[in-house]
Amino acid sequence: MQITLPTILTLIRLVISPILLPTLLLVFLPIESPIINGALACIFLLLAFTDFLDGYLARKLGQVTQLGRILDPIADKFLIFPTLIALLSVHRIHIFVVLLFIGREFFVMGLRQLALERQCQLHVSWLGKAKTIAQIAYVASAIAAPANLEGHWYLSTTVLLFIAVVLTVWSAVSYYKTFMANCSLSEGASPHS
């Protein structure tokens, strides 16, 4: 099995994201330093950027592998889920947001599994990609912002949260509609995509 550069980037995100980043957030966010908050947000964004970089390099270099396809979505969840939980622990994010973001991922994963069982595929949509970007922007803002949101921090974080919530719900509904239209078959019917 060949380990490619895109796969190495995915593995880095897979290992560092759930261990290092949440630890840093739990230890340093309570200090309430704008410099530290900004540095932590940059670390998060750098890890998030590897998600786009590994996919781009895999296509550009012709190094799309089965291992990469399996690990990439897992690494994405390993970045977002622990970060959300760490932010919840230090009171930077509401539990409703955490439950919505994580619940949406499990809902779509369930739809994908059902689709596979019916020999159908749910391809990643532009809405899914927009949702990811919006969530990353909101989480980065929640990390960088002071605990007592005021002025431009309150406005920007609230706007980013609104966009992320709308796209999270919209993309879930869109995947469900696609599933019902293309993959929801009565038992015994021949599958199609």
N, C-alpha and C. Protein backbone atom coordinates (compact mmCIF):
# COMPACT_ATOMS: atom_id res chain seq x y z
N MET A 1 0.84 -1.19 0.00
CA MET A 1 0.00 0.00 0.00
C MET A 1 0.89 1.25 0.00
N GLN A 2 0.66 2.11 -0.98
CA GLN A 2 1.48 3.31 -1.12
C GLN A 2 0.88 4.46 -0.30
N ILE A 3 1.74 5.09 0.51
CA ILE A 3 1.32 6.26 1.28
C ILE A 3 1.72 7.51 0.51
N THR A 4 0.73 8.26 0.05
CA THR A 4 0.98 9.45 -0.77
C THR A 4 1.01 10.70 0.10
N LEU A 5 1.46 11.81 -0.49
CA LEU A 5 1.48 13.09 0.23
C LEU A 5 0.09 13.50 0.71
N PRO A 6 -0.95 13.41 -0.14
CA PRO A 6 -2.29 13.76 0.36
C PRO A 6 -2.71 12.89 1.55
N THR A 7 -2.36 11.60 1.51
CA THR A 7 -2.72 10.71 2.62
C THR A 7 -1.96 11.09 3.88
N ILE A 8 -0.71 11.51 3.73
CA ILE A 8 0.08 11.96 4.89
C ILE A 8 -0.58 13.18 5.53
N LEU A 9 -1.04 14.13 4.70
CA LEU A 9 -1.73 15.31 5.23
C LEU A 9 -3.01 14.92 5.98
N THR A 10 -3.72 13.95 5.42
CA THR A 10 -4.94 13.46 6.08
C THR A 10 -4.60 12.82 7.42
N LEU A 11 -3.53 12.02 7.45
CA LEU A 11 -3.11 11.35 8.68
C LEU A 11 -2.68 12.36 9.75
N ILE A 12 -2.02 13.42 9.31
CA ILE A 12 -1.61 14.48 10.25
C ILE A 12 -2.85 15.09 10.90
N ARG A 13 -3.86 15.40 10.07
CA ARG A 13 -5.10 15.96 10.59
C ARG A 13 -5.81 14.96 11.50
N LEU A 14 -5.75 13.70 11.13
CA LEU A 14 -6.41 12.64 11.89
C LEU A 14 -5.81 12.47 13.28
N VAL A 15 -4.50 12.63 13.39
CA VAL A 15 -3.80 12.42 14.66
C VAL A 15 -3.77 13.68 15.52
N ILE A 16 -3.43 14.82 14.90
CA ILE A 16 -3.24 16.05 15.66
C ILE A 16 -4.58 16.65 16.11
N SER A 17 -5.57 16.64 15.23
CA SER A 17 -6.83 17.33 15.52
C SER A 17 -7.51 16.91 16.81
N PRO A 18 -7.72 15.60 17.05
CA PRO A 18 -8.48 15.24 18.25
C PRO A 18 -7.67 15.25 19.54
N ILE A 19 -6.35 15.39 19.43
CA ILE A 19 -5.50 15.34 20.64
C ILE A 19 -4.96 16.73 20.98
N LEU A 20 -4.20 17.29 20.05
CA LEU A 20 -3.50 18.55 20.33
C LEU A 20 -4.45 19.74 20.42
N LEU A 21 -5.29 19.92 19.41
CA LEU A 21 -6.12 21.13 19.35
C LEU A 21 -7.07 21.26 20.55
N PRO A 22 -7.86 20.22 20.89
CA PRO A 22 -8.74 20.38 22.06
C PRO A 22 -7.97 20.64 23.35
N THR A 23 -6.81 20.02 23.50
CA THR A 23 -5.99 20.25 24.70
C THR A 23 -5.57 21.71 24.77
N LEU A 24 -5.10 22.25 23.65
CA LEU A 24 -4.69 23.66 23.61
C LEU A 24 -5.86 24.58 23.92
N LEU A 25 -7.03 24.26 23.38
CA LEU A 25 -8.20 25.09 23.63
C LEU A 25 -8.60 25.07 25.10
N LEU A 26 -8.60 23.89 25.70
CA LEU A 26 -8.99 23.77 27.11
C LEU A 26 -8.01 24.47 28.04
N VAL A 27 -6.72 24.44 27.69
CA VAL A 27 -5.70 25.02 28.55
C VAL A 27 -5.59 26.54 28.36
N PHE A 28 -5.60 26.98 27.10
CA PHE A 28 -5.24 28.38 26.83
C PHE A 28 -6.41 29.34 26.60
N LEU A 29 -7.57 28.87 26.14
CA LEU A 29 -8.68 29.81 25.92
C LEU A 29 -9.13 30.52 27.20
N PRO A 30 -9.16 29.82 28.35
CA PRO A 30 -9.58 30.52 29.58
C PRO A 30 -8.66 31.67 29.99
N ILE A 31 -7.45 31.74 29.45
CA ILE A 31 -6.52 32.82 29.79
C ILE A 31 -7.05 34.17 29.28
N GLU A 32 -7.85 34.13 28.23
CA GLU A 32 -8.45 35.34 27.66
C GLU A 32 -7.41 36.33 27.12
N SER A 33 -6.51 35.80 26.28
CA SER A 33 -5.52 36.64 25.62
C SER A 33 -5.85 36.73 24.13
N PRO A 34 -6.02 37.93 23.59
CA PRO A 34 -6.31 38.06 22.16
C PRO A 34 -5.24 37.40 21.28
N ILE A 35 -3.99 37.49 21.70
CA ILE A 35 -2.89 36.90 20.92
C ILE A 35 -3.00 35.38 20.92
N ILE A 36 -3.23 34.82 22.11
CA ILE A 36 -3.36 33.36 22.21
C ILE A 36 -4.59 32.88 21.44
N ASN A 37 -5.71 33.59 21.61
CA ASN A 37 -6.93 33.21 20.89
C ASN A 37 -6.70 33.22 19.37
N GLY A 38 -6.02 34.27 18.90
CA GLY A 38 -5.73 34.36 17.47
C GLY A 38 -4.83 33.23 17.00
N ALA A 39 -3.84 32.89 17.81
CA ALA A 39 -2.93 31.79 17.45
C ALA A 39 -3.68 30.45 17.40
N LEU A 40 -4.57 30.22 18.36
CA LEU A 40 -5.36 28.99 18.38
C LEU A 40 -6.29 28.91 17.16
N ALA A 41 -6.88 30.05 16.80
CA ALA A 41 -7.74 30.09 15.61
C ALA A 41 -6.94 29.78 14.36
N CYS A 42 -5.71 30.27 14.30
CA CYS A 42 -4.83 30.00 13.15
C CYS A 42 -4.47 28.52 13.06
N ILE A 43 -4.21 27.89 14.22
CA ILE A 43 -3.91 26.45 14.24
C ILE A 43 -5.12 25.67 13.71
N PHE A 44 -6.31 26.05 14.17
CA PHE A 44 -7.53 25.39 13.70
C PHE A 44 -7.68 25.56 12.19
N LEU A 45 -7.50 26.79 11.70
CA LEU A 45 -7.65 27.05 10.27
C LEU A 45 -6.60 26.32 9.44
N LEU A 46 -5.38 26.20 9.98
CA LEU A 46 -4.32 25.48 9.28
C LEU A 46 -4.68 24.00 9.14
N LEU A 47 -5.20 23.41 10.22
CA LEU A 47 -5.63 22.02 10.15
C LEU A 47 -6.80 21.86 9.19
N ALA A 48 -7.73 22.82 9.22
CA ALA A 48 -8.88 22.77 8.31
C ALA A 48 -8.42 22.91 6.85
N PHE A 49 -7.39 23.73 6.63
CA PHE A 49 -6.88 23.94 5.27
C PHE A 49 -6.31 22.65 4.69
N THR A 50 -5.76 21.79 5.55
CA THR A 50 -5.22 20.51 5.04
C THR A 50 -6.32 19.66 4.42
N ASP A 51 -7.57 19.89 4.85
CA ASP A 51 -8.70 19.15 4.27
C ASP A 51 -8.84 19.49 2.79
N PHE A 52 -8.75 20.78 2.47
CA PHE A 52 -8.86 21.20 1.08
C PHE A 52 -7.58 20.86 0.31
N LEU A 53 -6.44 21.00 0.99
CA LEU A 53 -5.16 20.76 0.32
C LEU A 53 -4.98 19.31 -0.06
N ASP A 54 -5.33 18.37 0.84
CA ASP A 54 -5.11 16.96 0.50
C ASP A 54 -5.99 16.52 -0.67
N GLY A 55 -7.23 17.02 -0.72
CA GLY A 55 -8.10 16.70 -1.85
C GLY A 55 -7.60 17.28 -3.15
N TYR A 56 -7.14 18.53 -3.09
CA TYR A 56 -6.61 19.19 -4.29
C TYR A 56 -5.37 18.46 -4.80
N LEU A 57 -4.43 18.15 -3.89
CA LEU A 57 -3.20 17.47 -4.30
C LEU A 57 -3.48 16.06 -4.84
N ALA A 58 -4.43 15.37 -4.22
CA ALA A 58 -4.75 14.02 -4.68
C ALA A 58 -5.23 14.05 -6.13
N ARG A 59 -6.08 15.03 -6.45
CA ARG A 59 -6.57 15.14 -7.84
C ARG A 59 -5.48 15.65 -8.78
N LYS A 60 -4.73 16.66 -8.32
CA LYS A 60 -3.72 17.28 -9.16
C LYS A 60 -2.59 16.30 -9.50
N LEU A 61 -2.18 15.50 -8.49
CA LEU A 61 -1.06 14.57 -8.68
C LEU A 61 -1.52 13.18 -9.14
N GLY A 62 -2.82 13.02 -9.30
CA GLY A 62 -3.33 11.71 -9.69
C GLY A 62 -3.09 10.67 -8.62
N GLN A 63 -3.24 11.08 -7.34
CA GLN A 63 -2.96 10.18 -6.22
C GLN A 63 -4.20 9.93 -5.37
N VAL A 64 -5.34 9.88 -6.02
CA VAL A 64 -6.58 9.54 -5.31
C VAL A 64 -6.53 8.05 -4.98
N THR A 65 -6.59 7.72 -3.71
CA THR A 65 -6.50 6.31 -3.28
C THR A 65 -7.74 5.93 -2.47
N GLN A 66 -7.95 4.62 -2.36
CA GLN A 66 -9.07 4.12 -1.56
C GLN A 66 -8.87 4.48 -0.09
N LEU A 67 -7.61 4.38 0.38
CA LEU A 67 -7.30 4.73 1.77
C LEU A 67 -7.62 6.19 2.03
N GLY A 68 -7.26 7.05 1.10
CA GLY A 68 -7.54 8.48 1.24
C GLY A 68 -9.03 8.77 1.29
N ARG A 69 -9.78 8.06 0.44
CA ARG A 69 -11.24 8.24 0.41
C ARG A 69 -11.87 7.83 1.75
N ILE A 70 -11.32 6.81 2.38
CA ILE A 70 -11.85 6.33 3.65
C ILE A 70 -11.46 7.26 4.80
N LEU A 71 -10.17 7.66 4.81
CA LEU A 71 -9.65 8.44 5.94
C LEU A 71 -10.10 9.90 5.93
N ASP A 72 -10.29 10.49 4.76
CA ASP A 72 -10.57 11.93 4.68
C ASP A 72 -11.83 12.35 5.45
N PRO A 73 -12.98 11.69 5.23
CA PRO A 73 -14.15 12.11 6.00
C PRO A 73 -14.02 11.85 7.50
N ILE A 74 -13.27 10.80 7.87
CA ILE A 74 -13.03 10.51 9.29
C ILE A 74 -12.19 11.63 9.89
N ALA A 75 -11.15 12.05 9.18
CA ALA A 75 -10.27 13.11 9.66
C ALA A 75 -11.03 14.43 9.82
N ASP A 76 -11.97 14.68 8.91
CA ASP A 76 -12.78 15.90 9.01
C ASP A 76 -13.59 15.91 10.31
N LYS A 77 -14.20 14.76 10.62
CA LYS A 77 -14.98 14.67 11.86
C LYS A 77 -14.07 14.79 13.08
N PHE A 78 -12.85 14.22 12.98
CA PHE A 78 -11.89 14.28 14.09
C PHE A 78 -11.40 15.70 14.32
N LEU A 79 -11.52 16.55 13.33
CA LEU A 79 -11.17 17.97 13.50
C LEU A 79 -12.32 18.73 14.15
N ILE A 80 -13.52 18.59 13.60
CA ILE A 80 -14.65 19.40 14.03
C ILE A 80 -15.23 18.94 15.38
N PHE A 81 -15.48 17.65 15.55
CA PHE A 81 -16.17 17.17 16.75
C PHE A 81 -15.42 17.52 18.04
N PRO A 82 -14.14 17.15 18.18
CA PRO A 82 -13.44 17.48 19.43
C PRO A 82 -13.30 18.98 19.66
N THR A 83 -13.16 19.75 18.58
CA THR A 83 -13.07 21.20 18.72
C THR A 83 -14.37 21.77 19.26
N LEU A 84 -15.50 21.30 18.74
CA LEU A 84 -16.80 21.74 19.23
C LEU A 84 -16.98 21.40 20.72
N ILE A 85 -16.58 20.19 21.09
CA ILE A 85 -16.74 19.76 22.49
C ILE A 85 -15.83 20.57 23.41
N ALA A 86 -14.61 20.85 22.94
CA ALA A 86 -13.70 21.68 23.75
C ALA A 86 -14.26 23.09 23.92
N LEU A 87 -14.82 23.66 22.85
CA LEU A 87 -15.41 24.99 22.94
C LEU A 87 -16.63 25.00 23.86
N LEU A 88 -17.39 23.93 23.84
CA LEU A 88 -18.52 23.80 24.76
C LEU A 88 -18.03 23.76 26.21
N SER A 89 -16.93 23.06 26.44
CA SER A 89 -16.37 22.91 27.79
C SER A 89 -15.90 24.23 28.38
N VAL A 90 -15.43 25.13 27.51
CA VAL A 90 -14.96 26.43 28.01
C VAL A 90 -16.01 27.54 27.76
N HIS A 91 -17.24 27.12 27.51
CA HIS A 91 -18.38 28.03 27.39
C HIS A 91 -18.24 29.05 26.26
N ARG A 92 -17.70 28.59 25.13
CA ARG A 92 -17.57 29.47 23.96
C ARG A 92 -18.63 29.19 22.90
N ILE A 93 -19.43 28.16 23.12
CA ILE A 93 -20.39 27.74 22.11
C ILE A 93 -21.58 27.11 22.84
N HIS A 94 -22.76 27.27 22.29
CA HIS A 94 -23.96 26.73 22.92
C HIS A 94 -24.12 25.25 22.59
N ILE A 95 -24.68 24.50 23.53
CA ILE A 95 -24.84 23.05 23.32
C ILE A 95 -25.75 22.76 22.12
N PHE A 96 -26.72 23.63 21.85
CA PHE A 96 -27.60 23.44 20.70
C PHE A 96 -26.80 23.40 19.39
N VAL A 97 -25.81 24.27 19.30
CA VAL A 97 -24.98 24.33 18.09
C VAL A 97 -24.18 23.04 17.94
N VAL A 98 -23.60 22.57 19.04
CA VAL A 98 -22.83 21.32 19.02
C VAL A 98 -23.72 20.16 18.59
N LEU A 99 -24.89 20.05 19.20
CA LEU A 99 -25.81 18.95 18.87
C LEU A 99 -26.27 19.03 17.41
N LEU A 100 -26.53 20.25 16.93
CA LEU A 100 -26.96 20.41 15.54
C LEU A 100 -25.86 20.01 14.56
N PHE A 101 -24.65 20.53 14.78
CA PHE A 101 -23.54 20.24 13.85
C PHE A 101 -23.20 18.75 13.85
N ILE A 102 -23.07 18.17 15.04
CA ILE A 102 -22.70 16.75 15.12
C ILE A 102 -23.87 15.87 14.68
N GLY A 103 -25.08 16.23 15.10
CA GLY A 103 -26.25 15.45 14.70
C GLY A 103 -26.43 15.40 13.20
N ARG A 104 -26.18 16.51 12.54
CA ARG A 104 -26.29 16.56 11.08
C ARG A 104 -25.33 15.58 10.42
N GLU A 105 -24.10 15.50 10.94
CA GLU A 105 -23.11 14.59 10.37
C GLU A 105 -23.54 13.14 10.51
N PHE A 106 -24.07 12.77 11.68
CA PHE A 106 -24.53 11.40 11.87
C PHE A 106 -25.75 11.10 11.00
N PHE A 107 -26.61 12.09 10.83
CA PHE A 107 -27.79 11.91 9.96
C PHE A 107 -27.36 11.63 8.52
N VAL A 108 -26.44 12.42 8.01
CA VAL A 108 -25.99 12.24 6.62
C VAL A 108 -25.19 10.95 6.47
N MET A 109 -24.38 10.61 7.50
CA MET A 109 -23.65 9.33 7.45
C MET A 109 -24.63 8.17 7.39
N GLY A 110 -25.73 8.26 8.14
CA GLY A 110 -26.75 7.22 8.10
C GLY A 110 -27.40 7.10 6.72
N LEU A 111 -27.69 8.26 6.12
CA LEU A 111 -28.26 8.25 4.77
C LEU A 111 -27.29 7.62 3.77
N ARG A 112 -26.01 7.96 3.91
CA ARG A 112 -25.00 7.38 3.00
C ARG A 112 -24.93 5.86 3.15
N GLN A 113 -25.00 5.39 4.39
CA GLN A 113 -24.94 3.95 4.63
C GLN A 113 -26.16 3.25 4.03
N LEU A 114 -27.34 3.84 4.23
CA LEU A 114 -28.55 3.28 3.63
C LEU A 114 -28.46 3.28 2.11
N ALA A 115 -27.91 4.36 1.56
CA ALA A 115 -27.76 4.45 0.10
C ALA A 115 -26.83 3.35 -0.41
N LEU A 116 -25.72 3.12 0.30
CA LEU A 116 -24.79 2.07 -0.11
C LEU A 116 -25.45 0.69 -0.08
N GLU A 117 -26.25 0.46 0.95
CA GLU A 117 -26.94 -0.83 1.05
C GLU A 117 -27.91 -1.04 -0.10
N ARG A 118 -28.36 0.06 -0.67
CA ARG A 118 -29.29 -0.02 -1.81
C ARG A 118 -28.57 0.21 -3.13
N GLN A 119 -27.25 0.10 -3.08
CA GLN A 119 -26.39 0.26 -4.26
C GLN A 119 -26.64 1.59 -4.97
N CYS A 120 -26.68 2.61 -4.16
CA CYS A 120 -26.90 3.97 -4.64
C CYS A 120 -25.84 4.86 -3.97
N GLN A 121 -25.53 5.98 -4.57
CA GLN A 121 -24.52 6.87 -3.99
C GLN A 121 -25.09 8.26 -3.75
N LEU A 122 -24.69 8.82 -2.60
CA LEU A 122 -25.00 10.22 -2.33
C LEU A 122 -23.70 11.00 -2.47
N HIS A 123 -23.55 11.68 -3.58
CA HIS A 123 -22.32 12.42 -3.84
C HIS A 123 -22.29 13.71 -3.03
N VAL A 124 -21.08 14.16 -2.72
CA VAL A 124 -20.92 15.42 -1.99
C VAL A 124 -21.46 16.55 -2.86
N SER A 125 -22.31 17.37 -2.27
CA SER A 125 -22.93 18.46 -3.02
C SER A 125 -22.23 19.78 -2.71
N TRP A 126 -22.54 20.79 -3.53
CA TRP A 126 -21.97 22.12 -3.27
C TRP A 126 -22.47 22.65 -1.92
N LEU A 127 -23.69 22.26 -1.54
CA LEU A 127 -24.22 22.67 -0.25
C LEU A 127 -23.42 22.08 0.90
N GLY A 128 -23.01 20.82 0.73
CA GLY A 128 -22.19 20.17 1.75
C GLY A 128 -20.85 20.87 1.92
N LYS A 129 -20.28 21.27 0.80
CA LYS A 129 -18.99 21.99 0.86
C LYS A 129 -19.17 23.38 1.47
N ALA A 130 -20.26 24.06 1.10
CA ALA A 130 -20.53 25.38 1.66
C ALA A 130 -20.77 25.28 3.16
N LYS A 131 -21.45 24.23 3.60
CA LYS A 131 -21.69 23.99 5.02
C LYS A 131 -20.38 23.84 5.77
N THR A 132 -19.46 23.08 5.19
CA THR A 132 -18.16 22.87 5.84
C THR A 132 -17.40 24.19 5.99
N ILE A 133 -17.38 24.98 4.93
CA ILE A 133 -16.69 26.27 4.98
C ILE A 133 -17.32 27.19 6.03
N ALA A 134 -18.66 27.21 6.07
CA ALA A 134 -19.36 28.07 7.02
C ALA A 134 -19.09 27.63 8.46
N GLN A 135 -19.10 26.33 8.69
CA GLN A 135 -18.83 25.83 10.05
C GLN A 135 -17.40 26.15 10.47
N ILE A 136 -16.46 25.98 9.56
CA ILE A 136 -15.05 26.28 9.87
C ILE A 136 -14.90 27.77 10.20
N ALA A 137 -15.54 28.62 9.40
CA ALA A 137 -15.45 30.07 9.65
C ALA A 137 -16.04 30.43 11.00
N TYR A 138 -17.19 29.84 11.33
CA TYR A 138 -17.82 30.13 12.62
C TYR A 138 -16.96 29.64 13.79
N VAL A 139 -16.47 28.40 13.69
CA VAL A 139 -15.66 27.84 14.78
C VAL A 139 -14.38 28.66 14.98
N ALA A 140 -13.75 29.06 13.89
CA ALA A 140 -12.54 29.90 13.99
C ALA A 140 -12.86 31.21 14.68
N SER A 141 -14.03 31.79 14.35
CA SER A 141 -14.44 33.04 14.98
C SER A 141 -14.72 32.83 16.47
N ALA A 142 -15.35 31.70 16.82
CA ALA A 142 -15.64 31.40 18.22
C ALA A 142 -14.35 31.21 19.03
N ILE A 143 -13.30 30.69 18.39
CA ILE A 143 -12.01 30.52 19.06
C ILE A 143 -11.33 31.87 19.23
N ALA A 144 -11.34 32.69 18.18
CA ALA A 144 -10.60 33.96 18.20
C ALA A 144 -11.27 35.02 19.07
N ALA A 145 -12.59 34.96 19.17
CA ALA A 145 -13.34 36.01 19.88
C ALA A 145 -13.11 35.95 21.39
N PRO A 146 -13.21 37.10 22.05
CA PRO A 146 -13.18 37.08 23.53
C PRO A 146 -14.44 36.42 24.07
N ALA A 147 -14.36 35.91 25.29
CA ALA A 147 -15.51 35.20 25.89
C ALA A 147 -16.71 36.12 26.01
N ASN A 148 -16.46 37.39 26.34
CA ASN A 148 -17.54 38.36 26.46
C ASN A 148 -17.70 39.07 25.12
N LEU A 149 -18.56 38.50 24.27
CA LEU A 149 -18.71 39.03 22.91
C LEU A 149 -19.30 40.44 22.93
N GLU A 150 -18.58 41.36 22.31
CA GLU A 150 -19.05 42.74 22.21
C GLU A 150 -18.70 43.31 20.84
N GLY A 151 -19.45 44.31 20.43
CA GLY A 151 -19.13 45.05 19.21
C GLY A 151 -19.04 44.19 17.98
N HIS A 152 -17.95 44.37 17.23
CA HIS A 152 -17.78 43.67 15.96
C HIS A 152 -17.66 42.17 16.15
N TRP A 153 -17.12 41.73 17.29
CA TRP A 153 -17.02 40.28 17.55
C TRP A 153 -18.41 39.67 17.64
N TYR A 154 -19.30 40.35 18.36
CA TYR A 154 -20.66 39.83 18.51
C TYR A 154 -21.35 39.75 17.15
N LEU A 155 -21.22 40.82 16.36
CA LEU A 155 -21.88 40.87 15.06
C LEU A 155 -21.34 39.80 14.12
N SER A 156 -20.00 39.74 13.98
CA SER A 156 -19.41 38.79 13.04
C SER A 156 -19.66 37.34 13.45
N THR A 157 -19.52 37.04 14.74
CA THR A 157 -19.74 35.67 15.20
C THR A 157 -21.20 35.26 15.04
N THR A 158 -22.12 36.19 15.32
CA THR A 158 -23.55 35.89 15.18
C THR A 158 -23.93 35.66 13.71
N VAL A 159 -23.39 36.48 12.83
CA VAL A 159 -23.68 36.31 11.39
C VAL A 159 -23.12 34.98 10.89
N LEU A 160 -21.88 34.66 11.28
CA LEU A 160 -21.28 33.38 10.86
C LEU A 160 -22.05 32.19 11.42
N LEU A 161 -22.51 32.31 12.66
CA LEU A 161 -23.31 31.24 13.26
C LEU A 161 -24.61 31.05 12.50
N PHE A 162 -25.28 32.15 12.17
CA PHE A 162 -26.54 32.07 11.43
C PHE A 162 -26.34 31.37 10.09
N ILE A 163 -25.30 31.77 9.36
CA ILE A 163 -25.01 31.17 8.05
C ILE A 163 -24.71 29.68 8.20
N ALA A 164 -23.90 29.33 9.21
CA ALA A 164 -23.53 27.94 9.43
C ALA A 164 -24.75 27.08 9.79
N VAL A 165 -25.63 27.62 10.63
CA VAL A 165 -26.83 26.87 11.02
C VAL A 165 -27.75 26.66 9.82
N VAL A 166 -27.97 27.72 9.04
CA VAL A 166 -28.84 27.61 7.86
C VAL A 166 -28.28 26.57 6.88
N LEU A 167 -26.99 26.64 6.59
CA LEU A 167 -26.39 25.69 5.63
C LEU A 167 -26.34 24.27 6.19
N THR A 168 -26.17 24.14 7.50
CA THR A 168 -26.17 22.81 8.12
C THR A 168 -27.53 22.14 7.93
N VAL A 169 -28.60 22.87 8.23
CA VAL A 169 -29.95 22.32 8.09
C VAL A 169 -30.30 22.13 6.62
N TRP A 170 -30.01 23.13 5.81
CA TRP A 170 -30.35 23.09 4.37
C TRP A 170 -29.66 21.91 3.69
N SER A 171 -28.37 21.71 3.98
CA SER A 171 -27.64 20.61 3.33
C SER A 171 -28.18 19.25 3.78
N ALA A 172 -28.58 19.13 5.06
CA ALA A 172 -29.16 17.87 5.54
C ALA A 172 -30.47 17.58 4.82
N VAL A 173 -31.31 18.58 4.69
CA VAL A 173 -32.59 18.42 3.98
C VAL A 173 -32.35 18.07 2.52
N SER A 174 -31.35 18.71 1.91
CA SER A 174 -31.03 18.45 0.51
C SER A 174 -30.57 17.00 0.31
N TYR A 175 -29.70 16.52 1.20
CA TYR A 175 -29.26 15.11 1.10
C TYR A 175 -30.44 14.16 1.29
N TYR A 176 -31.33 14.51 2.21
CA TYR A 176 -32.50 13.65 2.44
C TYR A 176 -33.39 13.60 1.19
N LYS A 177 -33.61 14.75 0.57
CA LYS A 177 -34.43 14.78 -0.65
C LYS A 177 -33.78 13.98 -1.77
N THR A 178 -32.45 14.11 -1.91
CA THR A 178 -31.73 13.35 -2.93
C THR A 178 -31.84 11.86 -2.66
N PHE A 179 -31.70 11.49 -1.39
CA PHE A 179 -31.83 10.08 -1.01
C PHE A 179 -33.22 9.56 -1.35
N MET A 180 -34.25 10.30 -0.99
CA MET A 180 -35.62 9.86 -1.25
C MET A 180 -35.90 9.77 -2.75
N ALA A 181 -35.31 10.67 -3.51
CA ALA A 181 -35.56 10.67 -4.96
C ALA A 181 -34.81 9.56 -5.68
N ASN A 182 -33.58 9.26 -5.23
CA ASN A 182 -32.73 8.35 -5.99
C ASN A 182 -32.48 6.99 -5.34
N CYS A 183 -32.59 6.92 -4.03
CA CYS A 183 -32.16 5.70 -3.33
C CYS A 183 -33.26 5.02 -2.53
N SER A 184 -34.35 5.71 -2.28
CA SER A 184 -35.41 5.14 -1.45
C SER A 184 -36.29 4.23 -2.30
N LEU A 185 -36.00 2.92 -2.23
CA LEU A 185 -36.72 1.95 -3.06
C LEU A 185 -37.49 0.99 -2.19
N SER A 186 -38.62 0.57 -2.71
CA SER A 186 -39.35 -0.47 -1.99
C SER A 186 -38.58 -1.76 -2.09
N GLU A 187 -38.74 -2.64 -1.10
CA GLU A 187 -37.98 -3.87 -1.05
C GLU A 187 -38.27 -4.69 -2.29
N GLY A 188 -37.21 -5.19 -2.87
CA GLY A 188 -37.34 -6.03 -4.04
C GLY A 188 -37.22 -5.25 -5.34
N ALA A 189 -37.30 -3.93 -5.28
CA ALA A 189 -37.15 -3.14 -6.50
C ALA A 189 -35.70 -3.11 -6.91
N SER A 190 -35.44 -2.98 -8.18
CA SER A 190 -34.05 -2.96 -8.63
C SER A 190 -33.46 -1.59 -8.37
N PRO A 191 -32.25 -1.56 -7.78
CA PRO A 191 -31.65 -0.28 -7.42
C PRO A 191 -31.17 0.50 -8.63
N HIS A 192 -31.17 1.80 -8.51
CA HIS A 192 -30.59 2.68 -9.54
C HIS A 192 -29.99 3.88 -8.85
N SER A 193 -29.14 4.61 -9.57
CA SER A 193 -28.52 5.79 -8.96
C SER A 193 -29.00 7.03 -9.64
